[in-house]
Amino acid sequence: MNDECALAQDDAPSPEPRGCLFALSQPPLMLFLAVIGLLLLLGAVHDLYIL
């Protein structure tokens, strides 16, 4: 076994655990959710005030 590979794997820091809200902190997801929310809001306003 190559000792350099073993040292590289042992010295590698473990990935930090991410919380459940990590995905919500991503800008593309928040933009997508904002667009969906806006469409729902426009549909509700249309149903309440225009129809």
PDB file of N, CA and C in Angstrom:
ATOM      1  N   MET A   1       0.847  -1.189   0.000  1.00  0.00           N
ATOM      2  CA  MET A   1       0.000   0.000   0.000  1.00  0.00           C
ATOM      3  C   MET A   1       0.878   1.233   0.000  1.00  0.00           C
ATOM      4  N   ASN A   2       0.445   2.252  -0.696  1.00  0.00           N
ATOM      5  CA  ASN A   2       1.200   3.486  -0.785  1.00  0.00           C
ATOM      6  C   ASN A   2       0.934   4.323   0.461  1.00  0.00           C
ATOM      7  N   ASP A   3       2.026   4.729   1.159  1.00  0.00           N
ATOM      8  CA  ASP A   3       1.869   5.481   2.406  1.00  0.00           C
ATOM      9  C   ASP A   3       1.330   6.887   2.165  1.00  0.00           C
ATOM     10  N   GLU A   4       1.647   7.499   1.024  1.00  0.00           N
ATOM     11  CA  GLU A   4       1.165   8.844   0.754  1.00  0.00           C
ATOM     12  C   GLU A   4      -0.361   8.875   0.649  1.00  0.00           C
ATOM     13  N   CYS A   5      -0.929   7.869   0.026  1.00  0.00           N
ATOM     14  CA  CYS A   5      -2.391   7.813  -0.093  1.00  0.00           C
ATOM     15  C   CYS A   5      -3.030   7.647   1.277  1.00  0.00           C
ATOM     16  N   ALA A   6      -2.433   6.829   2.118  1.00  0.00           N
ATOM     17  CA  ALA A   6      -2.999   6.600   3.447  1.00  0.00           C
ATOM     18  C   ALA A   6      -2.938   7.876   4.280  1.00  0.00           C
ATOM     19  N   LEU A   7      -1.846   8.624   4.182  1.00  0.00           N
ATOM     20  CA  LEU A   7      -1.734   9.866   4.942  1.00  0.00           C
ATOM     21  C   LEU A   7      -2.712  10.913   4.419  1.00  0.00           C
ATOM     22  N   ALA A   8      -2.876  10.958   3.114  1.00  0.00           N
ATOM     23  CA  ALA A   8      -3.776  11.952   2.549  1.00  0.00           C
ATOM     24  C   ALA A   8      -5.215  11.700   2.997  1.00  0.00           C
ATOM     25  N   GLN A   9      -5.596  10.428   3.103  1.00  0.00           N
ATOM     26  CA  GLN A   9      -6.952  10.128   3.534  1.00  0.00           C
ATOM     27  C   GLN A   9      -7.123  10.380   5.030  1.00  0.00           C
ATOM     28  N   ASP A  10      -6.090  10.110   5.813  1.00  0.00           N
ATOM     29  CA  ASP A  10      -6.197  10.309   7.260  1.00  0.00           C
ATOM     30  C   ASP A  10      -6.208  11.793   7.618  1.00  0.00           C
ATOM     31  N   ASP A  11      -5.438  12.603   6.880  1.00  0.00           N
ATOM     32  CA  ASP A  11      -5.335  14.018   7.201  1.00  0.00           C
ATOM     33  C   ASP A  11      -6.499  14.840   6.646  1.00  0.00           C
ATOM     34  N   ALA A  12      -7.282  14.261   5.763  1.00  0.00           N
ATOM     35  CA  ALA A  12      -8.378  15.015   5.158  1.00  0.00           C
ATOM     36  C   ALA A  12      -9.420  15.342   6.228  1.00  0.00           C
ATOM     37  N   PRO A  13      -9.823  16.607   6.330  1.00  0.00           N
ATOM     38  CA  PRO A  13     -10.844  16.955   7.328  1.00  0.00           C
ATOM     39  C   PRO A  13     -12.192  16.354   6.951  1.00  0.00           C
ATOM     40  N   SER A  14     -12.910  15.950   7.951  1.00  0.00           N
ATOM     41  CA  SER A  14     -14.229  15.376   7.693  1.00  0.00           C
ATOM     42  C   SER A  14     -15.174  16.501   7.266  1.00  0.00           C
ATOM     43  N   PRO A  15     -16.085  16.220   6.349  1.00  0.00           N
ATOM     44  CA  PRO A  15     -17.018  17.275   5.920  1.00  0.00           C
ATOM     45  C   PRO A  15     -17.905  17.703   7.078  1.00  0.00           C
ATOM     46  N   GLU A  16     -18.175  19.006   7.128  1.00  0.00           N
ATOM     47  CA  GLU A  16     -18.987  19.529   8.220  1.00  0.00           C
ATOM     48  C   GLU A  16     -20.433  19.093   8.032  1.00  0.00           C
ATOM     49  N   PRO A  17     -21.099  18.715   9.092  1.00  0.00           N
ATOM     50  CA  PRO A  17     -22.514  18.366   8.955  1.00  0.00           C
ATOM     51  C   PRO A  17     -23.340  19.611   8.629  1.00  0.00           C
ATOM     52  N   ARG A  18     -24.261  19.443   7.728  1.00  0.00           N
ATOM     53  CA  ARG A  18     -25.080  20.571   7.302  1.00  0.00           C
ATOM     54  C   ARG A  18     -26.477  20.396   7.868  1.00  0.00           C
ATOM     55  N   GLY A  19     -27.057  21.490   8.292  1.00  0.00           N
ATOM     56  CA  GLY A  19     -28.389  21.445   8.874  1.00  0.00           C
ATOM     57  C   GLY A  19     -29.467  21.269   7.810  1.00  0.00           C
ATOM     58  N   CYS A  20     -30.671  21.091   8.267  1.00  0.00           N
ATOM     59  CA  CYS A  20     -31.804  20.878   7.360  1.00  0.00           C
ATOM     60  C   CYS A  20     -32.102  22.118   6.532  1.00  0.00           C
ATOM     61  N   LEU A  21     -31.732  23.295   7.033  1.00  0.00           N
ATOM     62  CA  LEU A  21     -32.040  24.534   6.316  1.00  0.00           C
ATOM     63  C   LEU A  21     -30.929  24.947   5.363  1.00  0.00           C
ATOM     64  N   PHE A  22     -29.931  24.076   5.152  1.00  0.00           N
ATOM     65  CA  PHE A  22     -28.829  24.434   4.257  1.00  0.00           C
ATOM     66  C   PHE A  22     -29.343  24.680   2.837  1.00  0.00           C
ATOM     67  N   ALA A  23     -30.274  23.853   2.364  1.00  0.00           N
ATOM     68  CA  ALA A  23     -30.776  23.997   0.997  1.00  0.00           C
ATOM     69  C   ALA A  23     -31.509  25.319   0.823  1.00  0.00           C
ATOM     70  N   LEU A  24     -32.179  25.791   1.862  1.00  0.00           N
ATOM     71  CA  LEU A  24     -32.928  27.042   1.745  1.00  0.00           C
ATOM     72  C   LEU A  24     -32.018  28.258   1.702  1.00  0.00           C
ATOM     73  N   SER A  25     -30.745  28.072   2.032  1.00  0.00           N
ATOM     74  CA  SER A  25     -29.828  29.206   1.990  1.00  0.00           C
ATOM     75  C   SER A  25     -29.208  29.380   0.600  1.00  0.00           C
ATOM     76  N   GLN A  26     -29.583  28.519  -0.334  1.00  0.00           N
ATOM     77  CA  GLN A  26     -29.030  28.603  -1.676  1.00  0.00           C
ATOM     78  C   GLN A  26     -29.862  29.571  -2.514  1.00  0.00           C
ATOM     79  N   PRO A  27     -29.242  30.568  -3.156  1.00  0.00           N
ATOM     80  CA  PRO A  27     -29.992  31.572  -3.912  1.00  0.00           C
ATOM     81  C   PRO A  27     -30.877  31.010  -5.026  1.00  0.00           C
ATOM     82  N   PRO A  28     -30.436  30.028  -5.837  1.00  0.00           N
ATOM     83  CA  PRO A  28     -31.335  29.554  -6.908  1.00  0.00           C
ATOM     84  C   PRO A  28     -32.624  28.947  -6.363  1.00  0.00           C
ATOM     85  N   LEU A  29     -32.540  28.214  -5.270  1.00  0.00           N
ATOM     86  CA  LEU A  29     -33.747  27.626  -4.695  1.00  0.00           C
ATOM     87  C   LEU A  29     -34.670  28.706  -4.159  1.00  0.00           C
ATOM     88  N   MET A  30     -34.107  29.716  -3.512  1.00  0.00           N
ATOM     89  CA  MET A  30     -34.943  30.781  -2.965  1.00  0.00           C
ATOM     90  C   MET A  30     -35.604  31.574  -4.092  1.00  0.00           C
ATOM     91  N   LEU A  31     -34.901  31.789  -5.199  1.00  0.00           N
ATOM     92  CA  LEU A  31     -35.519  32.481  -6.339  1.00  0.00           C
ATOM     93  C   LEU A  31     -36.663  31.655  -6.915  1.00  0.00           C
ATOM     94  N   PHE A  32     -36.451  30.358  -7.036  1.00  0.00           N
ATOM     95  CA  PHE A  32     -37.496  29.468  -7.541  1.00  0.00           C
ATOM     96  C   PHE A  32     -38.709  29.492  -6.623  1.00  0.00           C
ATOM     97  N   LEU A  33     -38.496  29.398  -5.318  1.00  0.00           N
ATOM     98  CA  LEU A  33     -39.607  29.414  -4.369  1.00  0.00           C
ATOM     99  C   LEU A  33     -40.317  30.770  -4.376  1.00  0.00           C
ATOM    100  N   ALA A  34     -39.562  31.847  -4.573  1.00  0.00           N
ATOM    101  CA  ALA A  34     -40.177  33.173  -4.639  1.00  0.00           C
ATOM    102  C   ALA A  34     -41.073  33.288  -5.875  1.00  0.00           C
ATOM    103  N   VAL A  35     -40.637  32.754  -7.002  1.00  0.00           N
ATOM    104  CA  VAL A  35     -41.451  32.801  -8.221  1.00  0.00           C
ATOM    105  C   VAL A  35     -42.717  31.979  -8.036  1.00  0.00           C
ATOM    106  N   ILE A  36     -42.605  30.795  -7.448  1.00  0.00           N
ATOM    107  CA  ILE A  36     -43.774  29.953  -7.210  1.00  0.00           C
ATOM    108  C   ILE A  36     -44.745  30.660  -6.258  1.00  0.00           C
ATOM    109  N   GLY A  37     -44.202  31.274  -5.195  1.00  0.00           N
ATOM    110  CA  GLY A  37     -45.045  31.997  -4.256  1.00  0.00           C
ATOM    111  C   GLY A  37     -45.745  33.174  -4.918  1.00  0.00           C
ATOM    112  N   LEU A  38     -45.035  33.871  -5.802  1.00  0.00           N
ATOM    113  CA  LEU A  38     -45.639  35.001  -6.515  1.00  0.00           C
ATOM    114  C   LEU A  38     -46.776  34.533  -7.426  1.00  0.00           C
ATOM    115  N   LEU A  39     -46.562  33.409  -8.096  1.00  0.00           N
ATOM    116  CA  LEU A  39     -47.625  32.874  -8.952  1.00  0.00           C
ATOM    117  C   LEU A  39     -48.848  32.474  -8.132  1.00  0.00           C
ATOM    118  N   LEU A  40     -48.628  31.873  -6.975  1.00  0.00           N
ATOM    119  CA  LEU A  40     -49.748  31.517  -6.103  1.00  0.00           C
ATOM    120  C   LEU A  40     -50.477  32.774  -5.617  1.00  0.00           C
ATOM    121  N   LEU A  41     -49.711  33.797  -5.262  1.00  0.00           N
ATOM    122  CA  LEU A  41     -50.308  35.042  -4.805  1.00  0.00           C
ATOM    123  C   LEU A  41     -51.122  35.698  -5.920  1.00  0.00           C
ATOM    124  N   LEU A  42     -50.576  35.739  -7.130  1.00  0.00           N
ATOM    125  CA  LEU A  42     -51.310  36.320  -8.252  1.00  0.00           C
ATOM    126  C   LEU A  42     -52.582  35.532  -8.541  1.00  0.00           C
ATOM    127  N   GLY A  43     -52.526  34.218  -8.451  1.00  0.00           N
ATOM    128  CA  GLY A  43     -53.713  33.406  -8.660  1.00  0.00           C
ATOM    129  C   GLY A  43     -54.764  33.677  -7.600  1.00  0.00           C
ATOM    130  N   ALA A  44     -54.338  33.834  -6.346  1.00  0.00           N
ATOM    131  CA  ALA A  44     -55.290  34.118  -5.268  1.00  0.00           C
ATOM    132  C   ALA A  44     -55.913  35.491  -5.440  1.00  0.00           C
ATOM    133  N   VAL A  45     -55.120  36.486  -5.798  1.00  0.00           N
ATOM    134  CA  VAL A  45     -55.648  37.847  -6.000  1.00  0.00           C
ATOM    135  C   VAL A  45     -56.614  37.843  -7.188  1.00  0.00           C
ATOM    136  N   HIS A  46     -56.271  37.132  -8.228  1.00  0.00           N
ATOM    137  CA  HIS A  46     -57.146  37.056  -9.389  1.00  0.00           C
ATOM    138  C   HIS A  46     -58.489  36.430  -9.008  1.00  0.00           C
ATOM    139  N   ASP A  47     -58.442  35.339  -8.240  1.00  0.00           N
ATOM    140  CA  ASP A  47     -59.684  34.667  -7.832  1.00  0.00           C
ATOM    141  C   ASP A  47     -60.519  35.555  -6.924  1.00  0.00           C
ATOM    142  N   LEU A  48     -59.874  36.282  -6.029  1.00  0.00           N
ATOM    143  CA  LEU A  48     -60.631  37.059  -5.040  1.00  0.00           C
ATOM    144  C   LEU A  48     -61.214  38.340  -5.607  1.00  0.00           C
ATOM    145  N   TYR A  49     -60.441  39.017  -6.454  1.00  0.00           N
ATOM    146  CA  TYR A  49     -60.836  40.370  -6.836  1.00  0.00           C
ATOM    147  C   TYR A  49     -61.317  40.506  -8.281  1.00  0.00           C
ATOM    148  N   ILE A  50     -60.880  39.643  -9.157  1.00  0.00           N
ATOM    149  CA  ILE A  50     -61.214  39.814 -10.566  1.00  0.00           C
ATOM    150  C   ILE A  50     -62.370  38.903 -10.962  1.00  0.00           C
ATOM    151  N   LEU A  51     -62.386  37.683 -10.472  1.00  0.00           N
ATOM    152  CA  LEU A  51     -63.483  36.756 -10.839  1.00  0.00           C
ATOM    153  C   LEU A  51     -64.730  37.045 -10.033  1.00  0.00           C
TER     154      LEU A  51
END
